[in-house]
């Protein structure tokens, strides 16, 4: 009986463990599982699993961190979902994958809802973003080498309909349209957001990112 239970658990573990090895599934499937599992493991706070999605030399660029993926992953206390502000939820669409041999980049559209306090009232900050994952197959396994966040738009609404968030329109002037409410909320909380983050309101900067990743995948091994 105990051996039957052991094998049942073993089969369950095998069934739920993400597979990024290209010999087990197609490259498209492996890359799709990789980038979606990276997001899902973050939402579920499975940080060891999340770390395993990255190569040791990977880099990350988001609205709150720039640099090595190891620093990004080891600074868990600074992750937005680790704050005292409230719950964070993420929903994502199927990725669009551009591949050349051992290298690829995936575009993953995501929507993030975050419950925060704004001027003393509970609010929901909704961010629309596009994640650009550069991924590489090394030793038959796909992992992330770089993650870049592109801001598309955001909204801010009261968590309880009808509540006044006491937003002065003058405070929004000068804030970038693609992430103005994120910037507003952070400023009101005593923080700050750089005004040179990637966003679709600056298409030239976004186009440079695509040019860079297109050039990068052209260096993939045959």
N, C-alpha and C. Protein backbone atom coordinates (compact mmCIF):
# COMPACT_ATOMS: atom_id res chain seq x y z
N UNK A 1 0.83 -1.20 0.00
CA UNK A 1 0.00 0.00 0.00
C UNK A 1 0.87 1.26 0.00
N UNK A 2 1.93 1.24 0.87
CA UNK A 2 2.76 2.43 0.96
C UNK A 2 3.53 2.67 -0.33
N UNK A 3 3.90 1.58 -1.04
CA UNK A 3 4.61 1.75 -2.31
C UNK A 3 3.68 2.32 -3.36
N UNK A 4 2.41 1.91 -3.33
CA UNK A 4 1.43 2.45 -4.25
C UNK A 4 1.25 3.94 -4.05
N UNK A 5 1.23 4.37 -2.77
CA UNK A 5 1.10 5.79 -2.47
C UNK A 5 2.34 6.54 -2.93
N UNK A 6 3.53 5.93 -2.72
CA UNK A 6 4.78 6.56 -3.13
C UNK A 6 4.79 6.84 -4.62
N UNK A 7 4.42 5.84 -5.42
CA UNK A 7 4.44 6.00 -6.87
C UNK A 7 3.36 6.98 -7.33
N UNK A 8 2.25 7.02 -6.62
CA UNK A 8 1.20 7.99 -6.97
C UNK A 8 1.69 9.41 -6.77
N UNK A 9 2.40 9.64 -5.65
CA UNK A 9 2.96 10.96 -5.38
C UNK A 9 4.04 11.29 -6.40
N UNK A 10 4.87 10.31 -6.73
CA UNK A 10 5.93 10.52 -7.71
C UNK A 10 5.35 10.92 -9.07
N UNK A 11 4.28 10.25 -9.48
CA UNK A 11 3.65 10.58 -10.75
C UNK A 11 3.04 11.97 -10.72
N UNK A 12 2.49 12.36 -9.56
CA UNK A 12 1.92 13.68 -9.43
C UNK A 12 2.98 14.75 -9.55
N UNK A 13 4.12 14.54 -8.90
CA UNK A 13 5.23 15.49 -8.96
C UNK A 13 5.72 15.64 -10.40
N UNK A 14 5.90 14.51 -11.07
CA UNK A 14 6.35 14.54 -12.46
C UNK A 14 5.36 15.29 -13.33
N UNK A 15 4.06 15.09 -13.05
CA UNK A 15 3.02 15.69 -13.88
C UNK A 15 2.99 17.20 -13.75
N UNK A 16 3.31 17.74 -12.54
CA UNK A 16 3.17 19.18 -12.34
C UNK A 16 4.49 19.92 -12.50
N UNK A 17 5.61 19.19 -12.67
CA UNK A 17 6.89 19.86 -12.82
C UNK A 17 7.03 20.41 -14.23
N UNK A 18 7.26 21.73 -14.40
CA UNK A 18 7.39 22.30 -15.73
C UNK A 18 8.58 21.68 -16.47
N UNK A 19 8.43 21.49 -17.77
CA UNK A 19 9.47 20.89 -18.59
C UNK A 19 9.94 21.92 -19.60
N UNK A 20 11.22 22.29 -19.51
CA UNK A 20 11.78 23.27 -20.42
C UNK A 20 12.80 22.65 -21.37
N UNK A 21 13.01 21.33 -21.27
CA UNK A 21 13.99 20.66 -22.11
C UNK A 21 13.42 20.42 -23.50
N UNK A 22 14.18 20.82 -24.53
CA UNK A 22 13.66 20.76 -25.88
C UNK A 22 13.51 19.34 -26.40
N UNK A 23 14.21 18.37 -25.79
CA UNK A 23 14.07 17.00 -26.29
C UNK A 23 12.76 16.36 -25.84
N UNK A 24 12.12 16.93 -24.82
CA UNK A 24 10.88 16.37 -24.31
C UNK A 24 9.64 16.92 -25.03
N UNK A 25 9.71 18.17 -25.44
CA UNK A 25 8.60 18.82 -26.13
C UNK A 25 9.18 19.69 -27.24
N UNK A 26 8.31 20.27 -28.06
CA UNK A 26 8.78 21.17 -29.11
C UNK A 26 9.36 22.44 -28.48
N UNK A 27 10.19 23.16 -29.23
CA UNK A 27 10.75 24.40 -28.72
C UNK A 27 9.64 25.39 -28.35
N UNK A 28 8.62 25.45 -29.19
CA UNK A 28 7.52 26.38 -28.92
C UNK A 28 6.85 26.05 -27.58
N UNK A 29 6.61 24.78 -27.33
CA UNK A 29 5.98 24.37 -26.07
C UNK A 29 6.90 24.66 -24.89
N UNK A 30 8.18 24.37 -25.06
CA UNK A 30 9.14 24.58 -23.97
C UNK A 30 9.23 26.05 -23.60
N UNK A 31 9.30 26.93 -24.61
CA UNK A 31 9.41 28.36 -24.36
C UNK A 31 8.12 28.91 -23.74
N UNK A 32 6.98 28.45 -24.25
CA UNK A 32 5.69 28.88 -23.70
C UNK A 32 5.57 28.49 -22.23
N UNK A 33 5.92 27.24 -21.91
CA UNK A 33 5.87 26.80 -20.51
C UNK A 33 6.84 27.60 -19.64
N UNK A 34 8.00 27.91 -20.20
CA UNK A 34 9.02 28.64 -19.44
C UNK A 34 8.52 30.02 -19.03
N UNK A 35 8.07 30.83 -19.99
CA UNK A 35 7.71 32.21 -19.66
C UNK A 35 6.42 32.30 -18.86
N UNK A 36 5.46 31.42 -19.13
CA UNK A 36 4.22 31.46 -18.35
C UNK A 36 4.44 30.92 -16.94
N UNK A 37 5.31 29.93 -16.79
CA UNK A 37 5.61 29.40 -15.45
C UNK A 37 6.39 30.42 -14.63
N UNK A 38 7.26 31.21 -15.27
CA UNK A 38 7.98 32.26 -14.55
C UNK A 38 7.00 33.23 -13.91
N UNK A 39 5.96 33.62 -14.66
CA UNK A 39 4.94 34.52 -14.10
C UNK A 39 4.10 33.84 -13.02
N UNK A 40 3.68 32.60 -13.30
CA UNK A 40 2.81 31.91 -12.36
C UNK A 40 3.54 31.57 -11.06
N UNK A 41 4.81 31.20 -11.15
CA UNK A 41 5.57 30.88 -9.94
C UNK A 41 5.77 32.14 -9.09
N UNK A 42 5.87 33.29 -9.74
CA UNK A 42 5.97 34.54 -8.97
C UNK A 42 4.66 34.83 -8.24
N UNK A 43 3.54 34.68 -8.95
CA UNK A 43 2.23 34.92 -8.33
C UNK A 43 2.01 33.99 -7.14
N UNK A 44 2.48 32.74 -7.27
CA UNK A 44 2.30 31.76 -6.20
C UNK A 44 3.41 31.82 -5.15
N UNK A 45 4.35 32.76 -5.31
CA UNK A 45 5.46 32.93 -4.38
C UNK A 45 6.37 31.70 -4.34
N UNK A 46 6.50 31.00 -5.46
CA UNK A 46 7.39 29.84 -5.56
C UNK A 46 8.72 30.33 -6.10
N UNK A 47 9.49 31.01 -5.27
CA UNK A 47 10.66 31.73 -5.75
C UNK A 47 11.81 30.83 -6.16
N UNK A 48 11.93 29.65 -5.59
CA UNK A 48 12.96 28.72 -6.05
C UNK A 48 12.66 28.26 -7.48
N UNK A 49 11.38 27.96 -7.73
CA UNK A 49 10.98 27.57 -9.07
C UNK A 49 11.14 28.73 -10.05
N UNK A 50 10.83 29.93 -9.59
CA UNK A 50 10.99 31.11 -10.42
C UNK A 50 12.47 31.33 -10.78
N UNK A 51 13.34 31.15 -9.79
CA UNK A 51 14.78 31.31 -10.03
C UNK A 51 15.29 30.32 -11.06
N UNK A 52 14.72 29.12 -11.07
CA UNK A 52 15.17 28.08 -11.98
C UNK A 52 14.80 28.40 -13.43
N UNK A 53 13.97 29.40 -13.65
CA UNK A 53 13.61 29.81 -15.01
C UNK A 53 14.70 30.66 -15.66
N UNK A 54 15.66 31.13 -14.86
CA UNK A 54 16.70 32.04 -15.36
C UNK A 54 18.07 31.39 -15.37
N UNK A 55 18.89 31.77 -16.36
CA UNK A 55 20.30 31.42 -16.33
C UNK A 55 21.01 32.32 -15.32
N UNK A 56 22.12 31.87 -14.73
CA UNK A 56 22.82 32.68 -13.71
C UNK A 56 23.26 34.05 -14.21
N UNK A 57 23.51 34.21 -15.51
CA UNK A 57 23.99 35.49 -16.04
C UNK A 57 22.85 36.34 -16.61
N UNK A 58 21.62 36.01 -16.30
CA UNK A 58 20.46 36.73 -16.85
C UNK A 58 20.34 38.12 -16.24
N UNK A 59 19.65 39.01 -16.98
CA UNK A 59 19.41 40.37 -16.52
C UNK A 59 17.91 40.67 -16.56
N UNK A 60 17.50 41.71 -15.80
CA UNK A 60 16.09 42.07 -15.69
C UNK A 60 15.97 43.59 -15.68
N UNK A 61 14.97 44.11 -16.43
CA UNK A 61 14.68 45.54 -16.43
C UNK A 61 13.18 45.74 -16.22
N UNK A 62 12.80 46.28 -15.06
CA UNK A 62 11.39 46.56 -14.78
C UNK A 62 11.30 47.99 -14.22
N UNK A 63 10.08 48.39 -13.83
CA UNK A 63 9.89 49.75 -13.30
C UNK A 63 10.51 49.92 -11.92
N UNK A 64 10.88 48.82 -11.28
CA UNK A 64 11.42 48.96 -9.92
C UNK A 64 12.81 48.33 -9.74
N UNK A 65 13.33 47.68 -10.79
CA UNK A 65 14.67 47.13 -10.66
C UNK A 65 15.35 47.02 -12.02
N UNK A 66 16.65 47.23 -12.04
CA UNK A 66 17.45 47.06 -13.25
C UNK A 66 18.77 46.42 -12.85
N UNK A 67 19.13 45.36 -13.56
CA UNK A 67 20.39 44.71 -13.23
C UNK A 67 20.31 43.20 -13.38
N UNK A 68 21.09 42.50 -12.57
CA UNK A 68 21.15 41.05 -12.69
C UNK A 68 19.87 40.39 -12.20
N UNK A 69 19.54 39.27 -12.80
CA UNK A 69 18.35 38.53 -12.37
C UNK A 69 18.54 38.00 -10.96
N UNK A 70 19.79 37.67 -10.59
CA UNK A 70 20.04 37.14 -9.25
C UNK A 70 19.69 38.17 -8.19
N UNK A 71 20.03 39.45 -8.43
CA UNK A 71 19.67 40.50 -7.48
C UNK A 71 18.16 40.68 -7.42
N UNK A 72 17.52 40.62 -8.58
CA UNK A 72 16.06 40.73 -8.69
C UNK A 72 15.38 39.61 -7.92
N UNK A 73 15.90 38.39 -8.04
CA UNK A 73 15.28 37.24 -7.40
C UNK A 73 15.60 37.16 -5.91
N UNK A 74 16.79 37.62 -5.52
CA UNK A 74 17.18 37.54 -4.11
C UNK A 74 16.57 38.66 -3.28
N UNK A 75 16.10 39.74 -3.94
CA UNK A 75 15.49 40.86 -3.23
C UNK A 75 13.99 40.65 -3.11
N UNK A 76 13.58 39.49 -2.61
CA UNK A 76 12.16 39.16 -2.59
C UNK A 76 11.34 40.13 -1.76
N UNK A 77 11.94 40.69 -0.72
CA UNK A 77 11.20 41.60 0.15
C UNK A 77 10.80 42.87 -0.59
N UNK A 78 11.45 43.15 -1.74
CA UNK A 78 11.14 44.36 -2.49
C UNK A 78 10.21 44.10 -3.67
N UNK A 79 9.85 42.84 -3.87
CA UNK A 79 8.88 42.54 -4.93
C UNK A 79 7.56 43.24 -4.59
N UNK A 80 6.88 43.82 -5.60
CA UNK A 80 5.62 44.53 -5.32
C UNK A 80 4.61 43.70 -4.54
N UNK A 81 4.53 42.39 -4.82
CA UNK A 81 3.54 41.57 -4.12
C UNK A 81 3.93 41.29 -2.67
N UNK A 82 5.18 41.62 -2.30
CA UNK A 82 5.63 41.40 -0.93
C UNK A 82 5.35 42.60 -0.03
N UNK A 83 4.81 43.68 -0.62
CA UNK A 83 4.55 44.88 0.17
C UNK A 83 3.31 44.69 1.04
N UNK A 84 3.11 45.65 1.92
CA UNK A 84 1.95 45.61 2.81
C UNK A 84 0.71 46.24 2.16
N UNK A 85 0.84 46.66 0.91
CA UNK A 85 -0.26 47.38 0.27
C UNK A 85 -1.46 46.50 -0.01
N UNK A 86 -1.22 45.24 -0.33
CA UNK A 86 -2.35 44.36 -0.60
C UNK A 86 -2.05 43.33 -1.65
N UNK A 87 -3.11 42.71 -2.12
CA UNK A 87 -3.01 41.60 -3.05
C UNK A 87 -2.58 42.08 -4.43
N UNK A 88 -1.83 41.25 -5.14
CA UNK A 88 -1.49 41.52 -6.53
C UNK A 88 -1.88 40.30 -7.35
N UNK A 89 -2.61 40.53 -8.45
CA UNK A 89 -3.04 39.46 -9.34
C UNK A 89 -2.51 39.73 -10.74
N UNK A 90 -2.15 38.66 -11.45
CA UNK A 90 -1.62 38.80 -12.81
C UNK A 90 -2.37 37.86 -13.74
N UNK A 91 -2.77 38.38 -14.89
CA UNK A 91 -3.36 37.57 -15.95
C UNK A 91 -2.57 37.80 -17.22
N UNK A 92 -2.28 36.73 -17.94
CA UNK A 92 -1.47 36.88 -19.14
C UNK A 92 -2.10 36.16 -20.32
N UNK A 93 -1.73 36.60 -21.52
CA UNK A 93 -2.20 36.02 -22.76
C UNK A 93 -1.15 35.05 -23.29
N UNK A 94 -1.48 34.22 -24.27
CA UNK A 94 -0.48 33.34 -24.87
C UNK A 94 0.67 34.17 -25.47
N UNK A 95 1.90 33.70 -25.34
CA UNK A 95 3.04 34.47 -25.85
C UNK A 95 3.17 34.37 -27.37
N UNK A 96 3.75 35.41 -27.95
CA UNK A 96 4.16 35.38 -29.35
C UNK A 96 5.66 35.12 -29.36
N UNK A 97 6.08 34.06 -30.03
CA UNK A 97 7.48 33.63 -29.96
C UNK A 97 8.18 33.82 -31.30
N UNK A 98 9.35 34.45 -31.25
CA UNK A 98 10.19 34.66 -32.43
C UNK A 98 11.48 33.89 -32.18
N UNK A 99 11.77 32.91 -33.01
CA UNK A 99 12.89 32.01 -32.75
C UNK A 99 13.86 31.93 -33.91
N UNK A 100 15.12 31.81 -33.57
CA UNK A 100 16.15 31.49 -34.53
C UNK A 100 17.10 30.49 -33.89
N UNK A 101 16.93 29.22 -34.22
CA UNK A 101 17.77 28.15 -33.70
C UNK A 101 17.75 28.11 -32.17
N UNK A 102 18.89 28.39 -31.53
CA UNK A 102 19.01 28.24 -30.08
C UNK A 102 18.60 29.48 -29.29
N UNK A 103 18.16 30.52 -30.00
CA UNK A 103 17.75 31.74 -29.33
C UNK A 103 16.34 32.14 -29.77
N UNK A 104 15.64 32.81 -28.86
CA UNK A 104 14.29 33.28 -29.18
C UNK A 104 13.93 34.42 -28.24
N UNK A 105 12.93 35.19 -28.64
CA UNK A 105 12.33 36.12 -27.68
C UNK A 105 10.83 35.97 -27.74
N UNK A 106 10.21 36.08 -26.57
CA UNK A 106 8.78 35.89 -26.45
C UNK A 106 8.14 37.18 -25.95
N UNK A 107 7.04 37.58 -26.61
CA UNK A 107 6.26 38.73 -26.17
C UNK A 107 5.06 38.21 -25.38
N UNK A 108 4.99 38.58 -24.10
CA UNK A 108 3.91 38.09 -23.24
C UNK A 108 3.08 39.27 -22.72
N UNK A 109 1.88 39.49 -23.27
CA UNK A 109 1.02 40.56 -22.77
C UNK A 109 0.45 40.17 -21.40
N UNK A 110 0.51 41.07 -20.44
CA UNK A 110 -0.03 40.77 -19.12
C UNK A 110 -0.85 41.95 -18.60
N UNK A 111 -1.78 41.62 -17.71
CA UNK A 111 -2.55 42.63 -16.99
C UNK A 111 -2.38 42.36 -15.50
N UNK A 112 -2.00 43.39 -14.76
CA UNK A 112 -1.76 43.25 -13.32
C UNK A 112 -2.73 44.13 -12.54
N UNK A 113 -3.40 43.53 -11.57
CA UNK A 113 -4.27 44.28 -10.66
C UNK A 113 -3.62 44.28 -9.28
N UNK A 114 -3.51 45.46 -8.72
CA UNK A 114 -2.88 45.60 -7.39
C UNK A 114 -3.76 46.46 -6.50
N UNK A 115 -4.07 45.95 -5.31
CA UNK A 115 -4.88 46.69 -4.35
C UNK A 115 -3.96 47.54 -3.48
N UNK A 116 -4.14 48.86 -3.51
CA UNK A 116 -3.24 49.77 -2.82
C UNK A 116 -4.05 50.84 -2.08
N UNK A 117 -3.37 51.64 -1.27
CA UNK A 117 -3.98 52.79 -0.62
C UNK A 117 -3.59 54.05 -1.39
N UNK A 118 -4.57 54.86 -1.72
CA UNK A 118 -4.33 56.13 -2.41
C UNK A 118 -5.06 57.24 -1.65
N UNK A 119 -4.29 58.16 -1.13
CA UNK A 119 -4.86 59.27 -0.34
C UNK A 119 -5.79 58.75 0.76
N UNK A 120 -5.38 57.64 1.37
CA UNK A 120 -6.11 57.07 2.48
C UNK A 120 -7.27 56.16 2.11
N UNK A 121 -7.51 55.98 0.82
CA UNK A 121 -8.62 55.15 0.36
C UNK A 121 -8.10 53.92 -0.37
N UNK A 122 -8.87 52.82 -0.31
CA UNK A 122 -8.49 51.60 -1.01
C UNK A 122 -8.79 51.74 -2.49
N UNK A 123 -7.78 51.42 -3.31
CA UNK A 123 -7.92 51.56 -4.76
C UNK A 123 -7.35 50.34 -5.46
N UNK A 124 -7.70 50.21 -6.73
CA UNK A 124 -7.17 49.13 -7.56
C UNK A 124 -6.39 49.76 -8.71
N UNK A 125 -5.10 49.46 -8.75
CA UNK A 125 -4.23 49.92 -9.84
C UNK A 125 -4.14 48.80 -10.86
N UNK A 126 -4.55 49.06 -12.09
CA UNK A 126 -4.49 48.08 -13.16
C UNK A 126 -3.43 48.51 -14.17
N UNK A 127 -2.45 47.66 -14.38
CA UNK A 127 -1.37 47.95 -15.32
C UNK A 127 -1.42 46.99 -16.50
N UNK A 128 -1.28 47.55 -17.68
CA UNK A 128 -1.21 46.75 -18.91
C UNK A 128 0.21 46.82 -19.43
N UNK A 129 0.85 45.66 -19.53
CA UNK A 129 2.25 45.62 -19.90
C UNK A 129 2.53 44.55 -20.93
N UNK A 130 3.69 44.65 -21.53
CA UNK A 130 4.18 43.64 -22.46
C UNK A 130 5.56 43.23 -21.96
N UNK A 131 5.73 41.96 -21.66
CA UNK A 131 7.01 41.45 -21.20
C UNK A 131 7.77 40.86 -22.39
N UNK A 132 9.02 41.25 -22.53
CA UNK A 132 9.88 40.71 -23.58
C UNK A 132 10.91 39.80 -22.91
N UNK A 133 10.78 38.50 -23.16
CA UNK A 133 11.71 37.53 -22.61
C UNK A 133 12.70 37.11 -23.69
N UNK A 134 13.98 37.31 -23.45
CA UNK A 134 15.00 36.70 -24.30
C UNK A 134 15.36 35.36 -23.67
N UNK A 135 15.24 34.30 -24.45
CA UNK A 135 15.48 32.96 -23.93
C UNK A 135 16.48 32.24 -24.83
N UNK A 136 17.21 31.31 -24.22
CA UNK A 136 18.26 30.60 -24.96
C UNK A 136 18.25 29.13 -24.56
N UNK A 137 18.58 28.28 -25.50
CA UNK A 137 18.68 26.85 -25.24
C UNK A 137 20.14 26.49 -25.03
N UNK A 138 20.48 26.11 -23.82
CA UNK A 138 21.85 25.70 -23.49
C UNK A 138 21.79 24.29 -22.93
N UNK A 139 22.57 23.41 -23.50
CA UNK A 139 22.56 22.02 -23.03
C UNK A 139 21.21 21.37 -23.19
N UNK A 140 20.44 21.80 -24.18
CA UNK A 140 19.13 21.20 -24.43
C UNK A 140 18.01 21.75 -23.57
N UNK A 141 18.29 22.79 -22.76
CA UNK A 141 17.27 23.35 -21.85
C UNK A 141 17.11 24.85 -22.13
N UNK A 142 15.85 25.27 -22.29
CA UNK A 142 15.54 26.69 -22.48
C UNK A 142 15.42 27.39 -21.14
N UNK A 143 16.09 28.54 -21.01
CA UNK A 143 15.93 29.39 -19.83
C UNK A 143 16.04 30.86 -20.26
N UNK A 144 15.68 31.73 -19.35
CA UNK A 144 15.64 33.17 -19.63
C UNK A 144 17.02 33.79 -19.46
N UNK A 145 17.40 34.63 -20.43
CA UNK A 145 18.65 35.39 -20.32
C UNK A 145 18.40 36.87 -20.05
N UNK A 146 17.19 37.33 -20.38
CA UNK A 146 16.88 38.75 -20.16
C UNK A 146 15.37 38.93 -20.12
N UNK A 147 14.92 39.84 -19.27
CA UNK A 147 13.50 40.18 -19.17
C UNK A 147 13.38 41.69 -19.20
N UNK A 148 12.53 42.20 -20.11
CA UNK A 148 12.31 43.63 -20.25
C UNK A 148 10.81 43.90 -20.18
N UNK A 149 10.42 44.90 -19.41
CA UNK A 149 9.02 45.29 -19.28
C UNK A 149 8.74 46.54 -20.11
N UNK A 150 7.69 46.47 -20.93
CA UNK A 150 7.24 47.63 -21.70
C UNK A 150 5.86 48.02 -21.20
N UNK A 151 5.72 49.25 -20.70
CA UNK A 151 4.44 49.74 -20.20
C UNK A 151 3.55 50.16 -21.36
N UNK A 152 2.28 49.77 -21.28
CA UNK A 152 1.33 50.12 -22.33
C UNK A 152 0.28 51.13 -21.84
N UNK A 153 -0.27 50.90 -20.67
CA UNK A 153 -1.30 51.81 -20.14
C UNK A 153 -1.59 51.39 -18.70
N UNK A 154 -2.26 52.24 -17.94
CA UNK A 154 -2.74 51.84 -16.62
C UNK A 154 -3.94 52.68 -16.22
N UNK A 155 -4.68 52.17 -15.26
CA UNK A 155 -5.86 52.86 -14.75
C UNK A 155 -5.85 52.77 -13.22
N UNK A 156 -6.59 53.68 -12.60
CA UNK A 156 -6.71 53.68 -11.15
C UNK A 156 -8.17 53.91 -10.80
N UNK A 157 -8.75 53.03 -9.99
CA UNK A 157 -10.16 53.11 -9.65
C UNK A 157 -10.36 52.76 -8.18
N UNK A 158 -11.40 53.29 -7.56
CA UNK A 158 -11.66 52.93 -6.17
C UNK A 158 -12.06 51.47 -6.05
N UNK A 159 -11.60 50.81 -5.00
CA UNK A 159 -11.98 49.42 -4.78
C UNK A 159 -13.46 49.30 -4.46
N UNK A 160 -14.00 50.31 -3.80
CA UNK A 160 -15.43 50.38 -3.50
C UNK A 160 -16.05 51.45 -4.38
N UNK A 161 -16.90 51.08 -5.33
CA UNK A 161 -17.48 52.06 -6.26
C UNK A 161 -18.10 53.25 -5.52
N UNK A 162 -17.84 54.43 -6.08
CA UNK A 162 -18.40 55.64 -5.49
C UNK A 162 -17.46 56.35 -4.54
N UNK A 163 -16.38 55.68 -4.14
CA UNK A 163 -15.42 56.29 -3.22
C UNK A 163 -14.59 57.36 -3.95
N UNK A 164 -14.39 58.49 -3.32
CA UNK A 164 -13.56 59.56 -3.88
C UNK A 164 -12.10 59.31 -3.51
N UNK A 165 -11.24 59.19 -4.51
CA UNK A 165 -9.81 58.96 -4.26
C UNK A 165 -9.05 60.28 -4.06
N UNK A 166 -9.76 61.41 -4.15
CA UNK A 166 -9.17 62.73 -3.88
C UNK A 166 -7.95 63.00 -4.77
N UNK A 167 -8.08 62.66 -6.06
CA UNK A 167 -6.98 62.88 -7.00
C UNK A 167 -7.09 64.27 -7.60
N UNK A 168 -6.04 65.04 -7.45
CA UNK A 168 -5.96 66.37 -8.07
C UNK A 168 -5.37 66.21 -9.47
N UNK A 169 -6.12 66.53 -10.52
CA UNK A 169 -5.61 66.37 -11.88
C UNK A 169 -4.27 67.05 -12.11
N UNK A 170 -4.00 68.11 -11.37
CA UNK A 170 -2.73 68.81 -11.53
C UNK A 170 -1.54 67.92 -11.16
N UNK A 171 -1.79 66.96 -10.24
CA UNK A 171 -0.71 66.07 -9.81
C UNK A 171 -0.33 65.07 -10.90
N UNK A 172 -1.19 64.90 -11.90
CA UNK A 172 -0.91 63.95 -12.98
C UNK A 172 -0.15 64.58 -14.14
N UNK A 173 -0.10 65.89 -14.16
CA UNK A 173 0.58 66.57 -15.25
C UNK A 173 2.08 66.26 -15.22
N UNK A 174 2.62 65.95 -16.38
CA UNK A 174 4.04 65.65 -16.47
C UNK A 174 4.37 64.18 -16.29
N UNK A 175 3.38 63.37 -15.88
CA UNK A 175 3.62 61.94 -15.72
C UNK A 175 3.40 61.23 -17.04
N UNK A 176 4.25 60.24 -17.33
CA UNK A 176 4.17 59.50 -18.58
C UNK A 176 2.84 58.77 -18.72
N UNK A 177 2.19 58.89 -19.88
CA UNK A 177 0.85 58.33 -20.05
C UNK A 177 0.82 56.81 -19.89
N UNK A 178 1.87 56.12 -20.31
CA UNK A 178 1.85 54.65 -20.29
C UNK A 178 1.93 54.06 -18.88
N UNK A 179 2.34 54.88 -17.89
CA UNK A 179 2.35 54.38 -16.51
C UNK A 179 2.14 55.52 -15.51
N UNK A 180 1.25 56.46 -15.85
CA UNK A 180 1.11 57.64 -15.01
C UNK A 180 0.49 57.35 -13.65
N UNK A 181 -0.47 56.40 -13.59
CA UNK A 181 -1.09 56.11 -12.29
C UNK A 181 -0.17 55.29 -11.39
N UNK A 182 0.67 54.44 -11.99
CA UNK A 182 1.70 53.75 -11.22
C UNK A 182 2.64 54.77 -10.61
N UNK A 183 3.08 55.73 -11.42
CA UNK A 183 3.97 56.78 -10.92
C UNK A 183 3.28 57.62 -9.85
N UNK A 184 2.03 57.98 -10.09
CA UNK A 184 1.28 58.79 -9.12
C UNK A 184 1.17 58.08 -7.78
N UNK A 185 0.79 56.79 -7.83
CA UNK A 185 0.61 56.04 -6.59
C UNK A 185 1.92 55.91 -5.82
N UNK A 186 3.01 55.69 -6.54
CA UNK A 186 4.30 55.55 -5.84
C UNK A 186 4.75 56.87 -5.25
N UNK A 187 4.53 57.95 -5.97
CA UNK A 187 4.91 59.26 -5.45
C UNK A 187 4.09 59.58 -4.19
N UNK A 188 2.80 59.29 -4.24
CA UNK A 188 1.94 59.54 -3.08
C UNK A 188 2.34 58.68 -1.88
N UNK A 189 2.93 57.52 -2.16
CA UNK A 189 3.36 56.63 -1.08
C UNK A 189 4.76 56.98 -0.57
N UNK A 190 5.35 58.03 -1.14
CA UNK A 190 6.67 58.46 -0.70
C UNK A 190 7.81 57.91 -1.53
N UNK A 191 7.50 57.20 -2.60
CA UNK A 191 8.54 56.65 -3.45
C UNK A 191 8.70 57.48 -4.71
N UNK A 192 9.29 56.87 -5.73
CA UNK A 192 9.48 57.56 -7.00
C UNK A 192 9.59 56.54 -8.12
N UNK A 193 9.35 57.01 -9.34
CA UNK A 193 9.46 56.18 -10.54
C UNK A 193 10.24 56.98 -11.57
N UNK A 194 11.18 56.33 -12.22
CA UNK A 194 11.96 57.00 -13.25
C UNK A 194 11.04 57.43 -14.40
N UNK A 195 11.38 58.55 -15.03
CA UNK A 195 10.56 59.01 -16.15
C UNK A 195 11.06 58.51 -17.49
N UNK A 196 12.05 57.59 -17.47
CA UNK A 196 12.58 57.05 -18.72
C UNK A 196 12.30 55.56 -18.86
N UNK A 197 11.26 55.07 -18.16
CA UNK A 197 10.89 53.67 -18.32
C UNK A 197 10.35 53.43 -19.73
N UNK A 198 10.47 52.20 -20.20
CA UNK A 198 9.97 51.87 -21.53
C UNK A 198 8.45 51.92 -21.55
N UNK A 199 7.90 52.61 -22.54
CA UNK A 199 6.46 52.71 -22.68
C UNK A 199 6.08 53.00 -24.11
N UNK A 200 4.87 52.61 -24.49
CA UNK A 200 4.46 52.78 -25.88
C UNK A 200 4.21 54.24 -26.24
N UNK A 201 4.22 55.14 -25.24
CA UNK A 201 4.12 56.56 -25.54
C UNK A 201 5.44 57.11 -26.05
N UNK A 202 6.49 56.30 -26.03
CA UNK A 202 7.79 56.64 -26.62
C UNK A 202 8.18 55.52 -27.58
N UNK A 203 7.52 55.47 -28.74
CA UNK A 203 7.70 54.35 -29.67
C UNK A 203 9.12 54.17 -30.18
N UNK A 204 9.89 55.25 -30.26
CA UNK A 204 11.26 55.10 -30.75
C UNK A 204 12.09 54.23 -29.80
N UNK A 205 11.91 54.43 -28.51
CA UNK A 205 12.66 53.64 -27.52
C UNK A 205 12.22 52.18 -27.56
N UNK A 206 10.92 51.95 -27.75
CA UNK A 206 10.41 50.57 -27.83
C UNK A 206 10.95 49.89 -29.08
N UNK A 207 11.00 50.62 -30.19
CA UNK A 207 11.50 50.04 -31.44
C UNK A 207 12.97 49.63 -31.30
N UNK A 208 13.74 50.40 -30.53
CA UNK A 208 15.15 50.05 -30.31
C UNK A 208 15.27 48.71 -29.56
N UNK A 209 14.34 48.46 -28.65
CA UNK A 209 14.35 47.18 -27.93
C UNK A 209 14.13 46.04 -28.90
N UNK A 210 13.15 46.18 -29.78
CA UNK A 210 12.88 45.13 -30.76
C UNK A 210 14.04 44.94 -31.72
N UNK A 211 14.67 46.01 -32.12
CA UNK A 211 15.84 45.90 -32.99
C UNK A 211 16.96 45.13 -32.28
N UNK A 212 17.13 45.44 -31.00
CA UNK A 212 18.19 44.78 -30.22
C UNK A 212 17.94 43.29 -30.08
N UNK A 213 16.71 42.90 -29.75
CA UNK A 213 16.43 41.48 -29.53
C UNK A 213 16.42 40.72 -30.86
N UNK A 214 16.01 41.39 -31.94
CA UNK A 214 16.06 40.75 -33.26
C UNK A 214 17.51 40.47 -33.65
N UNK A 215 18.39 41.43 -33.40
CA UNK A 215 19.81 41.23 -33.68
C UNK A 215 20.38 40.12 -32.81
N UNK A 216 19.90 40.06 -31.55
CA UNK A 216 20.42 39.06 -30.62
C UNK A 216 20.06 37.65 -31.07
N UNK A 217 18.83 37.42 -31.49
CA UNK A 217 18.44 36.06 -31.86
C UNK A 217 19.13 35.63 -33.15
N UNK A 218 19.60 36.58 -33.95
CA UNK A 218 20.31 36.20 -35.16
C UNK A 218 21.66 35.54 -34.85
N UNK A 219 22.12 35.69 -33.60
CA UNK A 219 23.37 35.06 -33.19
C UNK A 219 23.19 33.67 -32.63
N UNK A 220 21.97 33.13 -32.73
CA UNK A 220 21.71 31.79 -32.22
C UNK A 220 22.49 30.73 -32.94
N UNK A 221 22.98 29.73 -32.21
CA UNK A 221 23.73 28.63 -32.83
C UNK A 221 22.86 27.82 -33.76
N UNK A 222 23.46 27.25 -34.76
CA UNK A 222 22.74 26.37 -35.68
C UNK A 222 22.87 24.95 -35.20
